[in-house]
Amino acid sequence: MSNKIVIQDLPTGQAGKKEKELIKELEKRTDIKAERIKRLLKLPDLTKKENSPVKILFDQILKLPRFKDFDLIDFPKIISVEDDFDLLNTPKDHPSRRETDTYYVNDKYVLRTQMTAMWSFYLKDQEVLKRLEKSGQIAVLAPGIVYRKDEIDKHHFPAFHQIDGLLICKKSQKIITQQDLKDVQVDLAQGIFGKDIEYKFLDDEFPYTVESLEMDIMFNGDWMEVNGAGLVNPVVMKNFGIDPEVYNGWAFGFGERLAMIKMGIPDIRILWSEDPRITSQFKDINSKFKEVSKYPPISRDISFIIDKNINLNNYYEIVRDFAENLIEEVKLLDSYENEEKFGKDKKSYTFRIIYRSPEKTLTNEEINVIQEKIRAKTAQDLSAVLR
């Protein structure tokens, strides 16, 4: 292996063709779900964007000696439920499968929720499997953009970035243990934060790995989770036709939050900025973000009563529809039930929406227009009674 690009099903393969078909269908649709997905697909993959803190950080990982012989893989952004969940041993009732967490293009296809989904493309590649049989080992890295519905604050955005790694080898060559997981994670942390970084390991759990670990580092006086790793689950190996009696492996994954920690970026929206005053600051892994100007916030409160079974991610999606990246945070101030006052299975919520652009001063007039649209859509889509 020579750090080559393994492009599976892009752009001429079956998955790539299917993605193009689904995008054509999306372009014809005007429903709100399709509009949200189209908006997300237009966002750039920051792992490929020059002067992006995400690319700078991930490139630092790719250059680590441990990974010099790893393949690199890219794969479609729209993938099947089978590839994203089923083959990776995700339980049918797992929260990540819900429409309140995942962007469903249709019943069978989703916007990829994790770069771990690359396993399905890499481990189905016949050349890769031949190499595994012949040399006894394969290894791959997959950096890219993924999508999940989430709350709104300085650390969450519906599109974000991950880099995942996978190594599989014959047991006759090496029996992989939890110590191997620790060694990989220490290499990653020290490659970014230096040899003196203080770290610890905690038990973790993923559907596709066993004996999994989370790594935390001490940063600015606080313990912070930076990545997770595990031994490849034998069940998942069987799903891909790989005999777990013959082979074993490890896997890891971490996200762009590491770039925010390393470069002192306080707000995830800064990663997406096109403002040259911001983008010009990021040159290398030791770059530190300096506030361009602290534009003042504008806050608006909204109270409403809705069915208590409605997932609040539905509300956050409405807010994003109209405010996009102008919102710093949506803060839940209060929630309570009163059957006599609101009715059975109803719940009252009060949110504070904090508007602040990292690039310009917002006006009360433009925020009032956005806020009224959010109020109207909340009433319409959630059958909310505004208070």
Protein backbone atom coordinates (compact mmCIF):
# COMPACT_ATOMS: atom_id res chain seq x y z
CA MET A 1 0.00 0.00 0.00
CA SER A 2 1.21 3.50 -0.78
CA ASN A 3 -1.34 5.95 0.63
CA LYS A 4 -3.29 5.74 -2.61
CA ILE A 5 -6.81 6.98 -3.13
CA VAL A 6 -9.33 4.16 -3.26
CA ILE A 7 -12.40 5.68 -4.85
CA GLN A 8 -15.16 3.13 -4.53
CA ASP A 9 -18.33 3.72 -6.57
CA LEU A 10 -17.39 7.31 -7.44
CA PRO A 11 -18.31 8.59 -9.87
CA THR A 12 -19.11 5.68 -12.20
CA GLY A 13 -19.94 2.86 -9.79
CA GLN A 14 -23.39 1.76 -8.74
CA ALA A 15 -23.52 3.79 -5.51
CA GLY A 16 -22.28 6.88 -7.32
CA LYS A 17 -24.90 6.45 -10.06
CA LYS A 18 -27.61 5.96 -7.45
CA GLU A 19 -26.54 9.13 -5.65
CA LYS A 20 -26.83 11.12 -8.91
CA GLU A 21 -30.32 9.70 -9.49
CA LEU A 22 -31.40 10.64 -5.97
CA ILE A 23 -30.01 14.17 -6.33
CA LYS A 24 -31.97 14.59 -9.58
CA GLU A 25 -35.11 13.51 -7.76
CA LEU A 26 -34.35 15.92 -4.91
CA GLU A 27 -33.99 18.80 -7.36
CA LYS A 28 -37.56 18.22 -8.52
CA ARG A 29 -38.95 18.28 -4.98
CA THR A 30 -40.01 21.41 -3.13
CA ASP A 31 -41.05 19.92 0.22
CA ILE A 32 -39.22 21.17 3.32
CA LYS A 33 -37.31 17.90 3.87
CA ALA A 34 -35.89 18.04 0.36
CA GLU A 35 -35.04 21.75 0.71
CA ARG A 36 -33.09 21.05 3.90
CA ILE A 37 -31.16 18.19 2.31
CA LYS A 38 -30.37 20.23 -0.82
CA ARG A 39 -29.09 23.07 1.35
CA LEU A 40 -26.80 20.70 3.27
CA LEU A 41 -25.44 19.06 0.12
CA LYS A 42 -24.35 22.49 -1.16
CA LEU A 43 -22.03 22.97 1.81
CA PRO A 44 -18.35 22.37 1.06
CA ASP A 45 -16.50 19.40 2.51
CA LEU A 46 -14.02 21.27 4.71
CA THR A 47 -11.63 18.30 4.76
CA LYS A 48 -10.85 19.30 1.15
CA LYS A 49 -10.87 23.11 1.55
CA GLU A 50 -7.52 24.90 1.71
CA ASN A 51 -6.89 27.03 4.82
CA SER A 52 -9.72 25.26 6.62
CA PRO A 53 -8.83 24.34 10.22
CA VAL A 54 -10.49 20.97 9.53
CA LYS A 55 -8.25 20.17 6.55
CA ILE A 56 -5.15 21.41 8.38
CA LEU A 57 -5.88 19.13 11.34
CA PHE A 58 -6.85 16.06 9.31
CA ASP A 59 -3.81 16.50 7.05
CA GLN A 60 -1.66 16.45 10.18
CA ILE A 61 -3.14 13.04 11.02
CA LEU A 62 -2.61 11.73 7.49
CA LYS A 63 1.09 12.65 7.77
CA LEU A 64 1.69 10.64 10.95
CA PRO A 65 4.23 7.83 10.33
CA ARG A 66 1.73 5.25 11.61
CA PHE A 67 -0.56 5.98 8.68
CA LYS A 68 1.95 6.36 5.83
CA ASP A 69 0.87 3.10 4.14
CA PHE A 70 -2.87 3.50 4.70
CA ASP A 71 -5.28 3.77 1.80
CA LEU A 72 -7.56 6.79 1.55
CA ILE A 73 -11.18 6.36 0.56
CA ASP A 74 -14.00 8.60 -0.59
CA PHE A 75 -17.60 7.50 -1.06
CA PRO A 76 -21.05 9.04 -1.76
CA LYS A 77 -22.70 11.46 0.65
CA ILE A 78 -26.07 9.78 0.02
CA ILE A 79 -25.88 6.12 0.99
CA SER A 80 -28.24 3.29 1.81
CA VAL A 81 -29.65 2.59 5.25
CA GLU A 82 -27.99 -0.81 4.91
CA ASP A 83 -24.53 0.75 4.47
CA ASP A 84 -24.99 3.42 7.15
CA PHE A 85 -26.67 1.29 9.82
CA ASP A 86 -27.51 -2.35 9.09
CA LEU A 87 -24.11 -3.72 8.10
CA LEU A 88 -22.51 -1.88 11.03
CA ASN A 89 -24.70 -3.76 13.51
CA THR A 90 -26.78 -0.72 14.52
CA PRO A 91 -29.90 -1.98 16.35
CA LYS A 92 -33.23 -1.35 14.60
CA ASP A 93 -34.44 0.72 17.56
CA HIS A 94 -31.23 2.75 17.93
CA PRO A 95 -31.91 6.52 18.36
CA SER A 96 -29.54 7.39 15.52
CA ARG A 97 -31.93 5.75 13.03
CA ARG A 98 -34.83 8.04 13.91
CA GLU A 99 -35.93 10.72 11.47
CA THR A 100 -35.44 13.24 14.26
CA ASP A 101 -31.70 12.43 14.14
CA THR A 102 -30.99 11.43 10.54
CA TYR A 103 -31.76 13.11 7.19
CA TYR A 104 -33.72 10.55 5.17
CA VAL A 105 -33.76 11.13 1.41
CA ASN A 106 -36.34 8.34 1.18
CA ASP A 107 -37.08 5.13 3.09
CA LYS A 108 -33.90 3.42 1.90
CA TYR A 109 -31.36 6.24 1.57
CA VAL A 110 -29.92 8.80 3.98
CA LEU A 111 -27.30 11.51 4.15
CA ARG A 112 -24.37 9.62 5.63
CA THR A 113 -24.30 10.04 9.41
CA GLN A 114 -20.78 8.72 10.04
CA MET A 115 -17.54 8.13 8.17
CA THR A 116 -17.54 4.63 9.64
CA ALA A 117 -19.91 3.87 6.76
CA MET A 118 -16.78 3.68 4.58
CA TRP A 119 -16.35 0.12 5.87
CA SER A 120 -19.15 -0.96 3.57
CA PHE A 121 -17.42 0.45 0.51
CA TYR A 122 -13.87 -0.52 1.37
CA LEU A 123 -14.66 -4.07 2.47
CA LYS A 124 -16.75 -4.78 -0.62
CA ASP A 125 -13.95 -3.74 -2.98
CA GLN A 126 -12.66 -6.89 -4.70
CA GLU A 127 -9.12 -5.53 -5.12
CA VAL A 128 -8.98 -4.68 -1.43
CA LEU A 129 -10.19 -8.17 -0.49
CA LYS A 130 -7.62 -9.78 -2.79
CA ARG A 131 -4.92 -7.73 -1.11
CA LEU A 132 -6.16 -8.82 2.31
CA GLU A 133 -5.97 -12.47 1.28
CA LYS A 134 -2.56 -12.09 -0.33
CA SER A 135 -0.69 -9.83 2.11
CA GLY A 136 -2.76 -10.53 5.21
CA GLN A 137 -3.47 -6.90 6.02
CA ILE A 138 -5.44 -3.88 4.77
CA ALA A 139 -5.73 -0.42 6.31
CA VAL A 140 -7.63 2.72 5.35
CA LEU A 141 -8.44 6.30 6.43
CA ALA A 142 -11.62 8.18 5.50
CA PRO A 143 -11.92 11.93 6.13
CA GLY A 144 -15.15 13.65 5.11
CA ILE A 145 -18.36 15.51 5.84
CA VAL A 146 -21.33 13.87 7.59
CA TYR A 147 -24.82 15.03 8.57
CA ARG A 148 -27.00 14.76 11.66
CA LYS A 149 -29.88 16.71 13.13
CA ASP A 150 -28.95 18.28 16.44
CA GLU A 151 -29.46 21.06 18.93
CA ILE A 152 -28.22 24.57 18.16
CA ASP A 153 -25.27 25.99 20.05
CA LYS A 154 -21.61 26.95 19.52
CA HIS A 155 -20.52 23.32 19.16
CA HIS A 156 -23.26 21.78 17.00
CA PHE A 157 -24.10 22.13 13.31
CA PRO A 158 -26.11 19.72 11.10
CA ALA A 159 -23.05 19.17 8.89
CA PHE A 160 -19.71 18.33 10.48
CA HIS A 161 -16.54 16.37 9.75
CA GLN A 162 -14.95 13.13 10.88
CA ILE A 163 -11.90 11.05 10.08
CA ASP A 164 -12.13 7.31 10.60
CA GLY A 165 -9.46 4.63 10.43
CA LEU A 166 -9.71 0.87 9.98
CA LEU A 167 -7.10 -1.90 10.02
CA ILE A 168 -7.75 -5.61 9.48
CA CYS A 169 -5.10 -8.32 9.52
CA LYS A 170 -4.75 -12.07 9.85
CA LYS A 171 -4.51 -13.31 13.41
CA SER A 172 -1.56 -15.40 12.31
CA GLN A 173 0.30 -12.11 11.74
CA LYS A 174 -0.88 -10.23 14.84
CA ILE A 175 -3.43 -10.61 17.61
CA ILE A 176 -4.85 -7.13 18.11
CA THR A 177 -5.53 -6.10 21.71
CA GLN A 178 -6.86 -3.10 23.58
CA GLN A 179 -3.27 -1.91 23.96
CA ASP A 180 -3.17 -1.40 20.19
CA LEU A 181 -6.20 0.87 20.52
CA LYS A 182 -4.41 2.89 23.17
CA ASP A 183 -1.25 3.16 21.06
CA VAL A 184 -3.19 4.49 18.07
CA GLN A 185 -5.06 7.07 20.14
CA VAL A 186 -1.90 8.23 21.91
CA ASP A 187 -0.22 8.69 18.52
CA LEU A 188 -3.14 10.81 17.35
CA ALA A 189 -3.24 12.99 20.45
CA GLN A 190 0.51 13.51 20.60
CA GLY A 191 0.64 14.23 16.87
CA ILE A 192 -1.72 17.13 17.43
CA PHE A 193 -1.05 18.36 20.96
CA GLY A 194 2.57 17.30 21.52
CA LYS A 195 4.34 14.61 23.51
CA ASP A 196 3.53 16.12 26.90
CA ILE A 197 -0.25 15.92 26.59
CA GLU A 198 -1.97 14.37 29.62
CA TYR A 199 -4.54 11.71 28.74
CA LYS A 200 -6.74 8.95 30.13
CA PHE A 201 -8.94 6.16 28.73
CA LEU A 202 -12.55 5.34 29.54
CA ASP A 203 -14.71 2.40 28.45
CA ASP A 204 -17.00 3.21 25.54
CA GLU A 205 -19.49 1.38 23.33
CA PHE A 206 -20.16 1.31 19.58
CA PRO A 207 -22.29 -1.20 17.59
CA TYR A 208 -19.43 -2.02 15.22
CA THR A 209 -16.62 -2.50 17.77
CA VAL A 210 -15.94 -4.40 21.00
CA GLU A 211 -13.65 -3.62 23.94
CA SER A 212 -14.06 0.02 22.91
CA LEU A 213 -12.30 2.97 24.51
CA GLU A 214 -12.77 6.72 24.64
CA MET A 215 -9.69 8.90 25.01
CA ASP A 216 -9.83 12.12 27.03
CA ILE A 217 -7.09 14.73 27.17
CA MET A 218 -6.40 17.44 29.72
CA PHE A 219 -6.79 20.77 27.95
CA ASN A 220 -6.97 24.17 29.63
CA GLY A 221 -7.67 22.52 32.96
CA ASP A 222 -10.54 20.30 31.77
CA TRP A 223 -10.80 16.71 30.60
CA MET A 224 -12.09 16.63 27.01
CA GLU A 225 -13.12 13.63 24.91
CA VAL A 226 -11.16 13.64 21.65
CA ASN A 227 -11.69 10.27 19.98
CA GLY A 228 -12.93 6.72 20.29
CA ALA A 229 -11.60 3.35 19.18
CA GLY A 230 -12.42 -0.34 19.40
CA LEU A 231 -11.64 -3.81 18.13
CA VAL A 232 -13.66 -4.65 15.01
CA ASN A 233 -16.81 -6.48 16.07
CA PRO A 234 -16.76 -10.12 14.81
CA VAL A 235 -20.47 -9.75 13.94
CA VAL A 236 -19.63 -6.92 11.53
CA MET A 237 -16.77 -8.90 10.01
CA LYS A 238 -19.23 -11.69 9.24
CA ASN A 239 -21.60 -9.12 7.67
CA PHE A 240 -18.85 -8.37 5.14
CA GLY A 241 -17.93 -12.01 4.58
CA ILE A 242 -14.67 -11.80 6.54
CA ASP A 243 -14.01 -14.75 8.86
CA PRO A 244 -13.44 -13.47 12.43
CA GLU A 245 -11.73 -16.76 13.27
CA VAL A 246 -9.01 -15.85 10.77
CA TYR A 247 -8.94 -12.03 10.93
CA ASN A 248 -9.07 -9.31 13.58
CA GLY A 249 -8.82 -5.54 13.46
CA TRP A 250 -9.14 -2.15 15.10
CA ALA A 251 -10.92 1.07 14.22
CA PHE A 252 -10.97 4.67 15.43
CA GLY A 253 -12.83 7.87 14.71
CA PHE A 254 -12.82 11.50 15.75
CA GLY A 255 -14.26 14.80 14.60
CA GLU A 256 -13.59 18.43 13.82
CA ARG A 257 -14.03 19.41 17.47
CA LEU A 258 -10.35 18.57 17.80
CA ALA A 259 -9.52 21.42 15.40
CA MET A 260 -11.65 23.80 17.46
CA ILE A 261 -9.83 22.78 20.64
CA LYS A 262 -6.37 22.94 19.08
CA MET A 263 -6.85 26.32 17.37
CA GLY A 264 -8.96 28.00 20.04
CA ILE A 265 -12.10 28.31 17.89
CA PRO A 266 -15.07 29.12 20.17
CA ASP A 267 -17.92 28.82 17.66
CA ILE A 268 -18.39 26.05 15.08
CA ARG A 269 -19.74 28.57 12.54
CA ILE A 270 -16.24 30.04 12.28
CA LEU A 271 -15.18 26.83 10.49
CA TRP A 272 -17.61 27.71 7.70
CA SER A 273 -16.72 31.39 7.40
CA GLU A 274 -15.65 32.83 4.03
CA ASP A 275 -14.57 36.13 5.65
CA PRO A 276 -10.89 36.64 4.63
CA ARG A 277 -10.20 38.23 8.02
CA ILE A 278 -11.01 34.81 9.48
CA THR A 279 -9.77 32.40 6.80
CA SER A 280 -6.38 34.15 6.54
CA GLN A 281 -5.65 33.23 10.17
CA PHE A 282 -5.34 29.50 9.52
CA LYS A 283 -1.97 28.53 8.07
CA ASP A 284 -0.85 25.43 9.97
CA ILE A 285 -1.61 23.19 12.94
CA ASN A 286 -0.28 25.79 15.40
CA SER A 287 -2.55 28.60 14.19
CA LYS A 288 -4.65 30.28 16.89
CA PHE A 289 -7.94 32.01 16.20
CA LYS A 290 -8.17 35.69 17.10
CA GLU A 291 -11.60 37.32 17.34
CA VAL A 292 -12.13 39.59 14.34
CA SER A 293 -14.66 41.66 16.22
CA LYS A 294 -17.17 40.66 18.85
CA TYR A 295 -20.41 41.65 17.19
CA PRO A 296 -23.25 42.20 19.67
CA PRO A 297 -25.91 39.51 20.18
CA ILE A 298 -29.63 40.03 19.73
CA SER A 299 -31.91 37.70 21.65
CA ARG A 300 -35.57 36.87 21.24
CA ASP A 301 -37.70 34.60 23.45
CA ILE A 302 -40.44 32.35 22.17
CA SER A 303 -42.95 30.30 24.18
CA PHE A 304 -45.31 27.68 22.83
CA ILE A 305 -47.32 24.60 23.76
CA ILE A 306 -46.93 21.41 21.71
CA ASP A 307 -47.53 17.68 22.00
CA LYS A 308 -44.96 16.47 24.53
CA ASN A 309 -43.96 13.56 22.27
CA ILE A 310 -42.60 15.90 19.58
CA ASN A 311 -38.81 15.72 19.41
CA LEU A 312 -37.25 19.16 19.87
CA ASN A 313 -34.91 18.55 16.92
CA ASN A 314 -38.01 19.25 14.82
CA TYR A 315 -38.10 22.75 16.28
CA TYR A 316 -34.36 23.31 15.80
CA GLU A 317 -34.74 22.40 12.12
CA ILE A 318 -37.39 25.10 11.72
CA VAL A 319 -35.12 27.66 13.34
CA ARG A 320 -32.28 26.75 10.97
CA ASP A 321 -34.60 27.01 7.95
CA PHE A 322 -34.99 30.73 8.48
CA ALA A 323 -31.92 31.80 10.46
CA GLU A 324 -29.30 29.48 8.92
CA ASN A 325 -25.91 30.43 10.42
CA LEU A 326 -27.01 33.64 12.17
CA ILE A 327 -27.82 31.82 15.40
CA GLU A 328 -25.29 31.35 18.15
CA GLU A 329 -27.54 29.29 20.41
CA VAL A 330 -31.10 28.17 21.06
CA LYS A 331 -31.37 27.89 24.82
CA LEU A 332 -34.22 26.08 26.59
CA LEU A 333 -35.23 28.39 29.43
CA ASP A 334 -38.24 26.53 30.77
CA SER A 335 -40.51 23.55 30.16
CA TYR A 336 -43.45 22.23 32.15
CA GLU A 337 -46.69 20.29 31.91
CA ASN A 338 -50.10 21.32 33.25
CA GLU A 339 -52.91 19.06 32.03
CA GLU A 340 -55.59 21.32 33.44
CA LYS A 341 -54.15 24.38 31.72
CA PHE A 342 -52.71 22.98 28.46
CA GLY A 343 -54.57 19.69 27.96
CA LYS A 344 -53.53 16.03 28.00
CA ASP A 345 -50.06 15.15 26.61
CA LYS A 346 -49.19 18.81 26.04
CA LYS A 347 -46.07 20.61 27.19
CA SER A 348 -45.04 24.25 27.37
CA TYR A 349 -41.55 25.35 26.27
CA THR A 350 -39.77 28.68 26.44
CA PHE A 351 -36.65 29.17 24.33
CA ARG A 352 -34.22 32.05 24.02
CA ILE A 353 -32.84 32.38 20.50
CA ILE A 354 -29.51 34.21 20.52
CA TYR A 355 -28.67 35.76 17.16
CA ARG A 356 -25.09 36.79 16.49
CA SER A 357 -23.10 36.77 13.27
CA PRO A 358 -19.33 36.17 13.48
CA GLU A 359 -18.94 38.51 10.49
CA LYS A 360 -21.30 41.49 10.81
CA THR A 361 -23.59 43.47 13.09
CA LEU A 362 -27.21 42.33 12.90
CA THR A 363 -30.09 44.78 13.11
CA ASN A 364 -33.27 44.47 15.15
CA GLU A 365 -35.29 44.92 11.98
CA GLU A 366 -33.81 41.93 10.14
CA ILE A 367 -34.02 39.75 13.26
CA ASN A 368 -37.68 40.67 13.79
CA VAL A 369 -38.48 39.47 10.25
CA ILE A 370 -36.69 36.14 10.85
CA GLN A 371 -38.29 35.68 14.27
CA GLU A 372 -41.81 36.16 12.92
CA LYS A 373 -41.18 33.57 10.22
CA ILE A 374 -39.95 31.12 12.86
CA ARG A 375 -43.03 31.77 14.99
CA ALA A 376 -45.41 31.24 12.07
CA LYS A 377 -43.70 28.05 10.92
CA THR A 378 -43.58 26.66 14.48
CA ALA A 379 -47.32 27.14 14.77
CA GLN A 380 -47.92 25.58 11.35
CA ASP A 381 -45.56 22.57 11.42
CA LEU A 382 -45.75 21.60 15.09
CA SER A 383 -49.40 22.59 15.63
CA ALA A 384 -48.02 24.83 18.36
CA VAL A 385 -50.04 27.26 20.40
CA LEU A 386 -47.85 30.35 20.66
CA ARG A 387 -47.89 32.15 23.98
